[in-house]
N, C-alpha and C. Protein backbone atom coordinates (compact mmCIF):
# COMPACT_ATOMS: atom_id res chain seq x y z
N UNK A 1 0.83 -1.21 0.00
CA UNK A 1 0.00 0.00 0.00
C UNK A 1 0.86 1.26 0.00
N UNK A 2 1.93 1.23 0.82
CA UNK A 2 2.81 2.39 0.90
C UNK A 2 3.46 2.67 -0.46
N UNK A 3 3.87 1.60 -1.17
CA UNK A 3 4.48 1.76 -2.49
C UNK A 3 3.48 2.30 -3.49
N UNK A 4 2.24 1.83 -3.40
CA UNK A 4 1.21 2.30 -4.32
C UNK A 4 0.93 3.78 -4.12
N UNK A 5 0.88 4.19 -2.86
CA UNK A 5 0.65 5.60 -2.54
C UNK A 5 1.80 6.46 -3.06
N UNK A 6 3.04 5.98 -2.82
CA UNK A 6 4.21 6.74 -3.25
C UNK A 6 4.29 6.85 -4.77
N UNK A 7 3.90 5.79 -5.48
CA UNK A 7 3.98 5.80 -6.93
C UNK A 7 2.95 6.73 -7.58
N UNK A 8 1.90 7.08 -6.86
CA UNK A 8 0.86 7.95 -7.42
C UNK A 8 1.26 9.41 -7.26
N UNK A 9 0.79 10.24 -8.19
CA UNK A 9 1.07 11.68 -8.11
C UNK A 9 0.44 12.29 -6.87
N UNK A 10 -0.75 11.83 -6.52
CA UNK A 10 -1.42 12.33 -5.33
C UNK A 10 -0.60 12.00 -4.08
N UNK A 11 -0.06 10.78 -4.05
CA UNK A 11 0.76 10.37 -2.91
C UNK A 11 2.01 11.21 -2.78
N UNK A 12 2.66 11.50 -3.90
CA UNK A 12 3.87 12.32 -3.87
C UNK A 12 3.55 13.73 -3.42
N UNK A 13 2.42 14.27 -3.89
CA UNK A 13 2.03 15.61 -3.46
C UNK A 13 1.71 15.65 -1.98
N UNK A 14 1.13 14.56 -1.46
CA UNK A 14 0.84 14.47 -0.03
C UNK A 14 2.13 14.43 0.78
N UNK A 15 3.10 13.65 0.28
CA UNK A 15 4.41 13.59 0.95
C UNK A 15 5.05 14.97 0.97
N UNK A 16 4.96 15.69 -0.14
CA UNK A 16 5.51 17.04 -0.20
C UNK A 16 4.81 17.96 0.79
N UNK A 17 3.50 17.84 0.88
CA UNK A 17 2.74 18.71 1.77
C UNK A 17 3.09 18.44 3.23
N UNK A 18 3.10 17.17 3.63
CA UNK A 18 3.38 16.82 5.03
C UNK A 18 4.82 17.17 5.40
N UNK A 19 5.78 16.81 4.54
CA UNK A 19 7.18 17.14 4.82
C UNK A 19 7.40 18.65 4.82
N UNK A 20 6.67 19.35 3.97
CA UNK A 20 6.77 20.81 3.95
C UNK A 20 6.28 21.43 5.25
N UNK A 21 5.21 20.90 5.80
CA UNK A 21 4.69 21.41 7.07
C UNK A 21 5.67 21.15 8.21
N UNK A 22 6.28 19.96 8.19
CA UNK A 22 7.30 19.64 9.21
C UNK A 22 8.43 20.65 9.16
N UNK A 23 8.93 20.94 7.95
CA UNK A 23 10.02 21.91 7.80
C UNK A 23 9.58 23.31 8.16
N UNK A 24 8.33 23.65 7.86
CA UNK A 24 7.80 24.97 8.18
C UNK A 24 7.75 25.20 9.68
N UNK A 25 7.30 24.19 10.43
CA UNK A 25 7.26 24.29 11.89
C UNK A 25 8.67 24.49 12.44
N UNK A 26 9.63 23.77 11.87
CA UNK A 26 11.02 23.94 12.30
C UNK A 26 11.51 25.35 12.00
N UNK A 27 11.18 25.87 10.82
CA UNK A 27 11.63 27.20 10.44
C UNK A 27 11.10 28.28 11.38
N UNK A 28 9.85 28.14 11.80
CA UNK A 28 9.28 29.11 12.75
C UNK A 28 10.06 29.09 14.05
N UNK A 29 10.32 27.88 14.58
CA UNK A 29 11.07 27.75 15.83
C UNK A 29 12.51 28.25 15.64
N UNK A 30 13.11 27.93 14.50
CA UNK A 30 14.48 28.33 14.22
C UNK A 30 14.61 29.84 14.13
N UNK A 31 13.64 30.49 13.48
CA UNK A 31 13.67 31.94 13.36
C UNK A 31 13.58 32.61 14.73
N UNK A 32 12.65 32.12 15.58
CA UNK A 32 12.50 32.68 16.92
C UNK A 32 13.80 32.53 17.71
N UNK A 33 14.42 31.36 17.59
CA UNK A 33 15.69 31.14 18.27
C UNK A 33 16.78 32.05 17.75
N UNK A 34 16.82 32.25 16.43
CA UNK A 34 17.84 33.13 15.84
C UNK A 34 17.74 34.56 16.35
N UNK A 35 16.52 35.03 16.57
CA UNK A 35 16.33 36.41 17.01
C UNK A 35 16.84 36.66 18.42
N UNK A 36 17.14 35.58 19.15
CA UNK A 36 17.72 35.74 20.48
C UNK A 36 19.11 36.39 20.41
N UNK A 37 19.68 36.43 19.22
CA UNK A 37 21.00 37.04 19.07
C UNK A 37 20.96 38.52 19.44
N UNK A 38 19.78 39.15 19.35
CA UNK A 38 19.64 40.56 19.71
C UNK A 38 19.71 40.79 21.22
N UNK A 39 19.65 39.71 22.00
CA UNK A 39 19.72 39.83 23.46
C UNK A 39 21.14 39.61 23.98
N UNK A 40 22.09 39.43 23.06
CA UNK A 40 23.47 39.32 23.48
C UNK A 40 24.03 37.92 23.40
N UNK A 41 25.37 37.84 23.54
CA UNK A 41 26.07 36.56 23.41
C UNK A 41 25.64 35.55 24.47
N UNK A 42 25.43 36.03 25.70
CA UNK A 42 25.05 35.12 26.79
C UNK A 42 23.76 34.40 26.52
N UNK A 43 22.73 35.15 26.12
CA UNK A 43 21.43 34.54 25.84
C UNK A 43 21.48 33.62 24.63
N UNK A 44 22.18 34.07 23.57
CA UNK A 44 22.23 33.28 22.35
C UNK A 44 23.01 31.98 22.55
N UNK A 45 24.16 32.07 23.18
CA UNK A 45 24.95 30.87 23.45
C UNK A 45 24.24 29.95 24.43
N UNK A 46 23.53 30.55 25.39
CA UNK A 46 22.77 29.75 26.34
C UNK A 46 21.64 28.99 25.66
N UNK A 47 21.00 29.63 24.70
CA UNK A 47 19.95 28.98 23.92
C UNK A 47 20.52 27.80 23.12
N UNK A 48 21.69 28.01 22.50
CA UNK A 48 22.33 26.94 21.73
C UNK A 48 22.69 25.76 22.64
N UNK A 49 23.13 26.04 23.85
CA UNK A 49 23.44 24.96 24.79
C UNK A 49 22.18 24.24 25.23
N UNK A 50 21.10 24.99 25.44
CA UNK A 50 19.82 24.40 25.86
C UNK A 50 19.31 23.40 24.82
N UNK A 51 19.52 23.71 23.54
CA UNK A 51 19.09 22.79 22.48
C UNK A 51 19.72 21.41 22.63
N UNK A 52 20.90 21.37 23.20
CA UNK A 52 21.62 20.11 23.37
C UNK A 52 21.25 19.37 24.65
N UNK A 53 20.53 20.04 25.53
CA UNK A 53 20.18 19.42 26.82
C UNK A 53 18.67 19.20 26.96
N UNK A 54 17.91 19.48 25.89
CA UNK A 54 16.46 19.29 25.95
C UNK A 54 16.13 17.84 26.28
N UNK A 55 15.27 17.65 27.25
CA UNK A 55 14.85 16.30 27.62
C UNK A 55 15.66 15.64 28.70
N UNK A 56 16.77 16.26 29.12
CA UNK A 56 17.57 15.67 30.20
C UNK A 56 16.80 15.75 31.53
N UNK A 57 16.96 14.76 32.41
CA UNK A 57 17.90 13.63 32.31
C UNK A 57 17.32 12.41 31.59
N UNK A 58 16.03 12.46 31.19
CA UNK A 58 15.46 11.31 30.50
C UNK A 58 16.20 11.05 29.20
N UNK A 59 16.47 12.11 28.45
CA UNK A 59 17.24 11.98 27.20
C UNK A 59 18.70 12.33 27.48
N UNK A 60 19.59 11.62 26.82
CA UNK A 60 21.01 11.90 26.99
C UNK A 60 21.37 13.20 26.27
N UNK A 61 22.55 13.73 26.56
CA UNK A 61 23.01 14.98 25.95
C UNK A 61 22.99 14.88 24.42
N UNK A 62 22.28 15.81 23.79
CA UNK A 62 22.15 15.95 22.34
C UNK A 62 21.24 14.92 21.68
N UNK A 63 20.65 13.99 22.44
CA UNK A 63 19.79 12.99 21.81
C UNK A 63 18.57 13.63 21.16
N UNK A 64 17.92 14.54 21.87
CA UNK A 64 16.74 15.21 21.31
C UNK A 64 17.11 16.00 20.07
N UNK A 65 18.25 16.68 20.11
CA UNK A 65 18.71 17.46 18.96
C UNK A 65 18.95 16.56 17.76
N UNK A 66 19.54 15.38 18.00
CA UNK A 66 19.80 14.47 16.89
C UNK A 66 18.51 13.87 16.33
N UNK A 67 17.52 13.65 17.18
CA UNK A 67 16.22 13.18 16.69
C UNK A 67 15.61 14.22 15.77
N UNK A 68 15.69 15.48 16.17
CA UNK A 68 15.17 16.57 15.34
C UNK A 68 15.92 16.62 14.02
N UNK A 69 17.23 16.46 14.06
CA UNK A 69 18.03 16.49 12.84
C UNK A 69 17.65 15.36 11.89
N UNK A 70 17.46 14.16 12.44
CA UNK A 70 17.09 13.01 11.61
C UNK A 70 15.73 13.24 10.96
N UNK A 71 14.77 13.74 11.74
CA UNK A 71 13.43 14.03 11.20
C UNK A 71 13.52 15.05 10.08
N UNK A 72 14.33 16.08 10.27
CA UNK A 72 14.48 17.11 9.25
C UNK A 72 15.14 16.57 7.99
N UNK A 73 16.16 15.73 8.15
CA UNK A 73 16.82 15.14 6.99
C UNK A 73 15.84 14.28 6.19
N UNK A 74 15.04 13.48 6.89
CA UNK A 74 14.03 12.66 6.22
C UNK A 74 13.03 13.54 5.49
N UNK A 75 12.60 14.62 6.14
CA UNK A 75 11.63 15.53 5.53
C UNK A 75 12.21 16.20 4.29
N UNK A 76 13.45 16.66 4.37
CA UNK A 76 14.09 17.32 3.23
C UNK A 76 14.26 16.36 2.06
N UNK A 77 14.75 15.15 2.35
CA UNK A 77 14.98 14.16 1.29
C UNK A 77 13.65 13.75 0.64
N UNK A 78 12.64 13.50 1.46
CA UNK A 78 11.33 13.11 0.93
C UNK A 78 10.73 14.24 0.09
N UNK A 79 10.86 15.47 0.58
CA UNK A 79 10.31 16.63 -0.13
C UNK A 79 11.02 16.82 -1.48
N UNK A 80 12.34 16.77 -1.46
CA UNK A 80 13.11 16.98 -2.69
C UNK A 80 12.89 15.85 -3.69
N UNK A 81 12.83 14.62 -3.21
CA UNK A 81 12.63 13.46 -4.10
C UNK A 81 11.26 13.52 -4.76
N UNK A 82 10.23 13.79 -3.96
CA UNK A 82 8.88 13.88 -4.51
C UNK A 82 8.78 15.02 -5.51
N UNK A 83 9.40 16.16 -5.20
CA UNK A 83 9.36 17.32 -6.10
C UNK A 83 10.05 17.00 -7.42
N UNK A 84 11.20 16.34 -7.36
CA UNK A 84 11.95 15.99 -8.57
C UNK A 84 11.15 15.01 -9.44
N UNK A 85 10.58 13.99 -8.81
CA UNK A 85 9.84 12.99 -9.58
C UNK A 85 8.56 13.56 -10.18
N UNK A 86 7.90 14.43 -9.45
CA UNK A 86 6.71 15.09 -10.01
C UNK A 86 7.09 16.00 -11.17
N UNK A 87 8.23 16.67 -11.04
CA UNK A 87 8.69 17.55 -12.11
C UNK A 87 9.00 16.75 -13.37
N UNK A 88 9.64 15.58 -13.21
CA UNK A 88 9.93 14.73 -14.36
C UNK A 88 8.65 14.22 -15.01
N UNK A 89 7.67 13.88 -14.21
CA UNK A 89 6.39 13.42 -14.77
C UNK A 89 5.71 14.55 -15.55
N UNK A 90 5.82 15.76 -15.01
CA UNK A 90 5.20 16.90 -15.66
C UNK A 90 5.85 17.16 -17.01
N UNK A 91 7.18 17.04 -17.07
CA UNK A 91 7.90 17.26 -18.31
C UNK A 91 7.56 16.18 -19.34
N UNK A 92 7.48 14.94 -18.89
CA UNK A 92 7.13 13.84 -19.81
C UNK A 92 5.71 13.96 -20.33
N UNK A 93 4.83 14.50 -19.50
CA UNK A 93 3.43 14.64 -19.90
C UNK A 93 3.25 15.70 -20.99
N UNK A 94 4.16 16.70 -21.01
CA UNK A 94 4.10 17.73 -22.05
C UNK A 94 5.53 18.01 -22.53
N UNK A 95 6.05 17.15 -23.40
CA UNK A 95 7.44 17.27 -23.85
C UNK A 95 7.76 18.58 -24.55
N UNK A 96 6.76 19.20 -25.19
CA UNK A 96 6.99 20.49 -25.85
C UNK A 96 6.47 21.60 -24.97
N UNK A 97 7.19 22.72 -24.96
CA UNK A 97 6.78 23.84 -24.13
C UNK A 97 5.49 24.47 -24.65
N UNK A 98 4.78 25.11 -23.71
CA UNK A 98 3.57 25.81 -24.12
C UNK A 98 3.94 26.96 -25.06
N UNK A 99 3.08 27.18 -26.03
CA UNK A 99 3.33 28.28 -26.96
C UNK A 99 3.23 29.62 -26.25
N UNK A 100 2.33 29.70 -25.28
CA UNK A 100 2.14 30.93 -24.52
C UNK A 100 2.17 30.61 -23.04
N UNK A 101 2.91 31.41 -22.28
CA UNK A 101 2.95 31.21 -20.84
C UNK A 101 1.64 31.69 -20.22
N UNK A 102 1.25 31.06 -19.13
CA UNK A 102 0.05 31.47 -18.43
C UNK A 102 0.27 32.81 -17.77
N UNK A 103 -0.51 33.80 -18.13
CA UNK A 103 -0.32 35.16 -17.64
C UNK A 103 -0.55 35.26 -16.15
N UNK A 104 -1.41 34.41 -15.61
CA UNK A 104 -1.78 34.52 -14.21
C UNK A 104 -0.85 33.74 -13.28
N UNK A 105 0.13 33.07 -13.83
CA UNK A 105 1.06 32.31 -12.99
C UNK A 105 1.94 33.27 -12.21
N UNK A 106 1.99 33.11 -10.90
CA UNK A 106 2.75 34.02 -10.06
C UNK A 106 4.24 33.78 -10.21
N UNK A 107 5.02 34.79 -9.82
CA UNK A 107 6.47 34.66 -9.88
C UNK A 107 6.95 33.53 -8.98
N UNK A 108 6.32 33.39 -7.81
CA UNK A 108 6.69 32.33 -6.88
C UNK A 108 6.46 30.95 -7.49
N UNK A 109 5.34 30.79 -8.22
CA UNK A 109 5.03 29.51 -8.85
C UNK A 109 6.05 29.17 -9.92
N UNK A 110 6.41 30.17 -10.74
CA UNK A 110 7.35 29.94 -11.84
C UNK A 110 8.75 29.62 -11.34
N UNK A 111 9.07 30.07 -10.14
CA UNK A 111 10.44 29.87 -9.63
C UNK A 111 10.52 28.81 -8.53
N UNK A 112 9.46 28.03 -8.33
CA UNK A 112 9.47 27.03 -7.27
C UNK A 112 10.63 26.03 -7.43
N UNK A 113 10.85 25.58 -8.67
CA UNK A 113 11.90 24.58 -8.89
C UNK A 113 13.28 25.16 -8.64
N UNK A 114 13.54 26.33 -9.22
CA UNK A 114 14.84 26.96 -9.00
C UNK A 114 15.01 27.36 -7.54
N UNK A 115 13.91 27.78 -6.93
CA UNK A 115 13.97 28.13 -5.51
C UNK A 115 14.35 26.95 -4.66
N UNK A 116 13.82 25.78 -5.01
CA UNK A 116 14.16 24.56 -4.28
C UNK A 116 15.63 24.20 -4.43
N UNK A 117 16.17 24.39 -5.63
CA UNK A 117 17.60 24.11 -5.86
C UNK A 117 18.46 25.07 -5.04
N UNK A 118 18.10 26.35 -5.06
CA UNK A 118 18.84 27.36 -4.29
C UNK A 118 18.83 27.02 -2.81
N UNK A 119 17.67 26.64 -2.29
CA UNK A 119 17.57 26.30 -0.87
C UNK A 119 18.35 25.04 -0.53
N UNK A 120 18.34 24.06 -1.43
CA UNK A 120 19.11 22.84 -1.21
C UNK A 120 20.60 23.13 -1.10
N UNK A 121 21.12 23.95 -2.02
CA UNK A 121 22.52 24.33 -1.98
C UNK A 121 22.83 25.16 -0.74
N UNK A 122 21.89 26.02 -0.36
CA UNK A 122 22.10 26.86 0.83
C UNK A 122 22.19 26.01 2.10
N UNK A 123 21.34 25.00 2.20
CA UNK A 123 21.37 24.14 3.40
C UNK A 123 22.76 23.51 3.56
N UNK A 124 23.33 23.04 2.44
CA UNK A 124 24.66 22.44 2.50
C UNK A 124 25.68 23.48 2.97
N UNK A 125 25.64 24.67 2.37
CA UNK A 125 26.58 25.73 2.75
C UNK A 125 26.38 26.15 4.20
N UNK A 126 25.15 26.28 4.63
CA UNK A 126 24.82 26.72 5.99
C UNK A 126 25.36 25.73 7.03
N UNK A 127 25.22 24.45 6.75
CA UNK A 127 25.73 23.43 7.67
C UNK A 127 27.27 23.44 7.72
N UNK A 128 27.89 23.57 6.55
CA UNK A 128 29.34 23.61 6.49
C UNK A 128 29.90 24.87 7.14
N UNK A 129 29.08 25.92 7.16
CA UNK A 129 29.53 27.19 7.72
C UNK A 129 29.36 27.25 9.23
N UNK A 130 28.15 26.99 9.72
CA UNK A 130 27.86 27.22 11.14
C UNK A 130 27.69 25.96 11.99
N UNK A 131 27.71 24.79 11.36
CA UNK A 131 27.62 23.55 12.14
C UNK A 131 28.97 22.84 12.21
N UNK A 132 29.58 22.61 11.07
CA UNK A 132 30.89 21.94 11.06
C UNK A 132 32.05 22.93 11.02
N UNK A 133 31.79 24.14 10.53
CA UNK A 133 32.84 25.15 10.44
C UNK A 133 33.79 24.95 9.28
N UNK A 134 33.47 24.05 8.36
CA UNK A 134 34.36 23.71 7.25
C UNK A 134 34.66 24.91 6.36
N UNK A 135 33.64 25.71 6.04
CA UNK A 135 33.84 26.86 5.15
C UNK A 135 33.68 28.17 5.90
N UNK A 136 33.76 28.11 7.22
CA UNK A 136 33.54 29.29 8.04
C UNK A 136 34.70 30.28 7.93
N UNK A 137 34.37 31.55 7.92
CA UNK A 137 35.39 32.60 7.85
C UNK A 137 35.74 33.09 9.26
N UNK A 138 36.97 33.50 9.46
CA UNK A 138 37.36 34.09 10.74
C UNK A 138 37.75 33.11 11.82
N UNK A 139 37.72 31.83 11.54
CA UNK A 139 38.10 30.83 12.54
C UNK A 139 36.91 30.36 13.35
N UNK A 140 36.44 29.15 13.04
CA UNK A 140 35.25 28.60 13.71
C UNK A 140 35.56 28.29 15.17
N UNK A 141 34.64 28.72 16.08
CA UNK A 141 34.82 28.50 17.51
C UNK A 141 33.73 27.56 18.02
N UNK A 142 34.09 26.35 18.31
CA UNK A 142 33.15 25.36 18.81
C UNK A 142 32.56 25.84 20.14
N UNK A 143 31.24 25.81 20.24
CA UNK A 143 30.58 26.22 21.47
C UNK A 143 30.37 27.72 21.60
N UNK A 144 30.68 28.48 20.55
CA UNK A 144 30.49 29.93 20.56
C UNK A 144 29.69 30.36 19.32
N UNK A 145 28.43 29.94 19.24
CA UNK A 145 27.63 30.24 18.04
C UNK A 145 27.43 31.73 17.79
N UNK A 146 27.37 32.52 18.86
CA UNK A 146 27.19 33.97 18.67
C UNK A 146 28.33 34.55 17.85
N UNK A 147 29.55 34.26 18.23
CA UNK A 147 30.71 34.78 17.52
C UNK A 147 30.79 34.22 16.10
N UNK A 148 30.40 32.96 15.93
CA UNK A 148 30.42 32.35 14.60
C UNK A 148 29.44 33.04 13.66
N UNK A 149 28.26 33.37 14.18
CA UNK A 149 27.26 34.07 13.37
C UNK A 149 27.76 35.46 12.99
N UNK A 150 28.34 36.17 13.96
CA UNK A 150 28.88 37.50 13.68
C UNK A 150 29.98 37.43 12.63
N UNK A 151 30.84 36.42 12.72
CA UNK A 151 31.92 36.25 11.74
C UNK A 151 31.35 36.06 10.34
N UNK A 152 30.34 35.20 10.23
CA UNK A 152 29.75 34.91 8.92
C UNK A 152 29.16 36.15 8.28
N UNK A 153 28.42 36.93 9.06
CA UNK A 153 27.75 38.10 8.50
C UNK A 153 28.61 39.36 8.54
N UNK A 154 29.88 39.17 8.83
CA UNK A 154 30.84 40.26 8.71
C UNK A 154 31.52 40.22 7.35
N UNK A 155 31.15 39.23 6.52
CA UNK A 155 31.68 39.11 5.17
C UNK A 155 30.57 39.43 4.17
N UNK A 156 30.93 40.06 3.05
CA UNK A 156 29.93 40.44 2.07
C UNK A 156 29.27 39.21 1.44
N UNK A 157 30.07 38.16 1.19
CA UNK A 157 29.51 36.98 0.53
C UNK A 157 28.61 36.19 1.47
N UNK A 158 28.93 36.21 2.77
CA UNK A 158 28.05 35.54 3.74
C UNK A 158 26.68 36.18 3.76
N UNK A 159 26.64 37.51 3.69
CA UNK A 159 25.37 38.23 3.67
C UNK A 159 24.60 37.98 2.38
N UNK A 160 25.32 38.02 1.25
CA UNK A 160 24.66 37.83 -0.05
C UNK A 160 24.04 36.45 -0.14
N UNK A 161 24.81 35.41 0.20
CA UNK A 161 24.31 34.04 0.14
C UNK A 161 23.08 33.87 1.01
N UNK A 162 23.17 34.36 2.24
CA UNK A 162 22.07 34.18 3.20
C UNK A 162 20.82 34.94 2.77
N UNK A 163 20.97 36.20 2.38
CA UNK A 163 19.80 37.01 2.03
C UNK A 163 19.12 36.50 0.77
N UNK A 164 19.91 36.12 -0.24
CA UNK A 164 19.32 35.55 -1.47
C UNK A 164 18.54 34.28 -1.14
N UNK A 165 19.13 33.43 -0.29
CA UNK A 165 18.46 32.19 0.09
C UNK A 165 17.17 32.46 0.86
N UNK A 166 17.17 33.47 1.73
CA UNK A 166 15.97 33.78 2.50
C UNK A 166 14.86 34.37 1.62
N UNK A 167 15.24 35.13 0.60
CA UNK A 167 14.24 35.63 -0.34
C UNK A 167 13.63 34.47 -1.13
N UNK A 168 14.47 33.52 -1.51
CA UNK A 168 13.97 32.32 -2.20
C UNK A 168 13.07 31.53 -1.26
N UNK A 169 13.43 31.47 0.01
CA UNK A 169 12.62 30.76 1.00
C UNK A 169 11.24 31.40 1.12
N UNK A 170 11.20 32.73 1.15
CA UNK A 170 9.92 33.42 1.26
C UNK A 170 8.99 33.10 0.10
N UNK A 171 9.52 33.11 -1.11
CA UNK A 171 8.72 32.77 -2.28
C UNK A 171 8.28 31.31 -2.23
N UNK A 172 9.18 30.45 -1.77
CA UNK A 172 8.88 29.01 -1.68
C UNK A 172 7.75 28.77 -0.68
N UNK A 173 7.81 29.43 0.47
CA UNK A 173 6.78 29.26 1.49
C UNK A 173 5.45 29.82 1.01
N UNK A 174 5.50 30.96 0.35
CA UNK A 174 4.27 31.61 -0.12
C UNK A 174 3.47 30.69 -1.03
N UNK A 175 4.13 30.03 -1.94
CA UNK A 175 3.43 29.12 -2.83
C UNK A 175 3.23 27.75 -2.19
N UNK A 176 4.26 27.30 -1.44
CA UNK A 176 4.20 25.96 -0.86
C UNK A 176 3.11 25.80 0.17
N UNK A 177 2.91 26.82 1.00
CA UNK A 177 1.86 26.76 2.02
C UNK A 177 0.49 26.63 1.36
N UNK A 178 0.28 27.40 0.32
CA UNK A 178 -0.99 27.35 -0.41
C UNK A 178 -1.18 25.98 -1.07
N UNK A 179 -0.13 25.47 -1.70
CA UNK A 179 -0.22 24.17 -2.36
C UNK A 179 -0.48 23.05 -1.36
N UNK A 180 0.18 23.10 -0.20
CA UNK A 180 -0.01 22.08 0.83
C UNK A 180 -1.43 22.08 1.34
N UNK A 181 -1.99 23.25 1.51
CA UNK A 181 -3.38 23.37 1.99
C UNK A 181 -4.34 22.75 0.99
N UNK A 182 -4.10 22.98 -0.30
CA UNK A 182 -4.96 22.41 -1.33
C UNK A 182 -4.82 20.88 -1.37
N UNK A 183 -3.58 20.40 -1.27
CA UNK A 183 -3.32 18.96 -1.33
C UNK A 183 -3.97 18.22 -0.17
N UNK A 184 -3.91 18.82 1.02
CA UNK A 184 -4.45 18.18 2.21
C UNK A 184 -5.94 18.44 2.41
N UNK A 185 -6.57 19.10 1.44
CA UNK A 185 -8.02 19.29 1.49
C UNK A 185 -8.50 20.43 2.36
N UNK A 186 -7.58 21.32 2.74
CA UNK A 186 -7.99 22.45 3.60
C UNK A 186 -8.58 23.60 2.81
N UNK A 187 -8.35 23.61 1.50
CA UNK A 187 -8.83 24.71 0.68
C UNK A 187 -10.30 24.58 0.34
N UNK A 188 -10.93 25.71 0.23
CA UNK A 188 -12.33 25.79 -0.20
C UNK A 188 -12.59 27.21 -0.65
N UNK A 189 -13.69 27.41 -1.31
CA UNK A 189 -14.01 28.75 -1.80
C UNK A 189 -14.11 29.75 -0.65
N UNK A 190 -14.61 29.29 0.49
CA UNK A 190 -14.78 30.18 1.64
C UNK A 190 -13.46 30.47 2.35
N UNK A 191 -12.53 29.49 2.30
CA UNK A 191 -11.27 29.65 3.04
C UNK A 191 -10.10 30.09 2.19
N UNK A 192 -10.26 30.16 0.87
CA UNK A 192 -9.14 30.49 -0.01
C UNK A 192 -8.50 31.83 0.32
N UNK A 193 -9.33 32.85 0.57
CA UNK A 193 -8.78 34.18 0.86
C UNK A 193 -7.96 34.15 2.14
N UNK A 194 -8.46 33.44 3.16
CA UNK A 194 -7.76 33.35 4.44
C UNK A 194 -6.43 32.61 4.27
N UNK A 195 -6.45 31.52 3.50
CA UNK A 195 -5.23 30.73 3.28
C UNK A 195 -4.18 31.52 2.50
N UNK A 196 -4.63 32.27 1.50
CA UNK A 196 -3.68 33.07 0.73
C UNK A 196 -3.07 34.17 1.59
N UNK A 197 -3.91 34.78 2.43
CA UNK A 197 -3.40 35.82 3.33
C UNK A 197 -2.41 35.24 4.33
N UNK A 198 -2.75 34.06 4.86
CA UNK A 198 -1.87 33.39 5.82
C UNK A 198 -0.53 33.04 5.17
N UNK A 199 -0.58 32.58 3.92
CA UNK A 199 0.65 32.23 3.20
C UNK A 199 1.53 33.46 3.01
N UNK A 200 0.92 34.58 2.62
CA UNK A 200 1.67 35.81 2.41
C UNK A 200 2.28 36.34 3.71
N UNK A 201 1.49 36.34 4.77
CA UNK A 201 1.96 36.85 6.06
C UNK A 201 3.07 35.98 6.61
N UNK A 202 2.88 34.66 6.53
CA UNK A 202 3.89 33.73 7.04
C UNK A 202 5.20 33.87 6.28
N UNK A 203 5.11 33.96 4.96
CA UNK A 203 6.32 34.11 4.14
C UNK A 203 7.03 35.42 4.47
N UNK A 204 6.26 36.49 4.64
CA UNK A 204 6.86 37.80 4.95
C UNK A 204 7.53 37.80 6.31
N UNK A 205 6.85 37.25 7.33
CA UNK A 205 7.41 37.22 8.68
C UNK A 205 8.68 36.39 8.76
N UNK A 206 8.67 35.21 8.13
CA UNK A 206 9.85 34.36 8.18
C UNK A 206 11.02 34.98 7.42
N UNK A 207 10.75 35.55 6.26
CA UNK A 207 11.81 36.19 5.49
C UNK A 207 12.41 37.35 6.28
N UNK A 208 11.55 38.21 6.81
CA UNK A 208 12.03 39.37 7.58
C UNK A 208 12.75 38.93 8.84
N UNK A 209 12.23 37.90 9.52
CA UNK A 209 12.84 37.42 10.75
C UNK A 209 14.23 36.86 10.54
N UNK A 210 14.41 36.09 9.48
CA UNK A 210 15.72 35.52 9.20
C UNK A 210 16.71 36.58 8.71
N UNK A 211 16.25 37.49 7.84
CA UNK A 211 17.13 38.52 7.31
C UNK A 211 17.53 39.52 8.40
N UNK A 212 16.72 39.63 9.47
CA UNK A 212 17.04 40.56 10.55
C UNK A 212 18.38 40.26 11.20
N UNK A 213 18.81 39.00 11.16
CA UNK A 213 20.09 38.64 11.79
C UNK A 213 21.28 39.23 11.04
N UNK A 214 21.45 38.99 9.72
CA UNK A 214 22.57 39.64 9.02
C UNK A 214 22.46 41.15 9.02
N UNK A 215 21.24 41.68 8.96
CA UNK A 215 21.06 43.13 9.00
C UNK A 215 21.56 43.68 10.33
N UNK A 216 21.27 42.96 11.41
CA UNK A 216 21.74 43.38 12.73
C UNK A 216 23.25 43.44 12.82
N UNK A 217 23.92 42.46 12.19
CA UNK A 217 25.38 42.46 12.19
C UNK A 217 25.93 43.57 11.31
N UNK A 218 25.34 43.73 10.13
CA UNK A 218 25.81 44.75 9.19
C UNK A 218 25.67 46.17 9.74
N UNK A 219 24.62 46.40 10.51
CA UNK A 219 24.38 47.74 11.05
C UNK A 219 25.10 47.97 12.38
N UNK A 220 25.71 46.93 12.92
CA UNK A 220 26.44 47.07 14.17
C UNK A 220 25.59 46.90 15.41
N UNK A 221 24.30 46.64 15.25
CA UNK A 221 23.44 46.41 16.40
C UNK A 221 23.86 45.12 17.10
N UNK A 222 24.23 44.12 16.30
CA UNK A 222 24.78 42.88 16.83
C UNK A 222 26.27 42.88 16.50
N UNK A 223 27.11 42.78 17.51
CA UNK A 223 28.56 42.84 17.25
C UNK A 223 29.31 42.05 18.32
């Protein structure tokens, strides 16, 4: 049954919707946590340490964090795989391009695929920068996330990569939230306006919230 569901287009869209919601919930929590940087190094570093001790003493050190990481990896892989396979099916179904583009197609809809690629590449860079420190500038300091964040956004390319990715994220959420609602049956003529408004507001808040961190460093508010 699971294979039959996965092989169907409806099943793949459902997987995309559910995995997208999982990632969206994480993004909301992640954004709120990121904004703690405005309260200083002590609060921000303390928050990072708390993430590793959640659930103690029942859970061992970092166990809860690793469970969250595994869930996110599964969600990202499932989302990307379903999106790629649906895209291939769409291309095979219409091998020749439309003679005329649909005038009412939004910019977010037209860039969903490229936006997904940009976000995928950004996730890799973000992990190598602030988790492993492999591509980090200024000397990565284990256990000092505040200083690591300041180092990253003290470089022009760190700001450009992050801000471009967050703009792509906003467009992705704006369309993705709406698509997930339709796939999961939440859409209706009466609720469409509310869902579209919610998608726009959520995309705007998350984009602004994430971009506020590099802006804070660039303006010297966070230093």
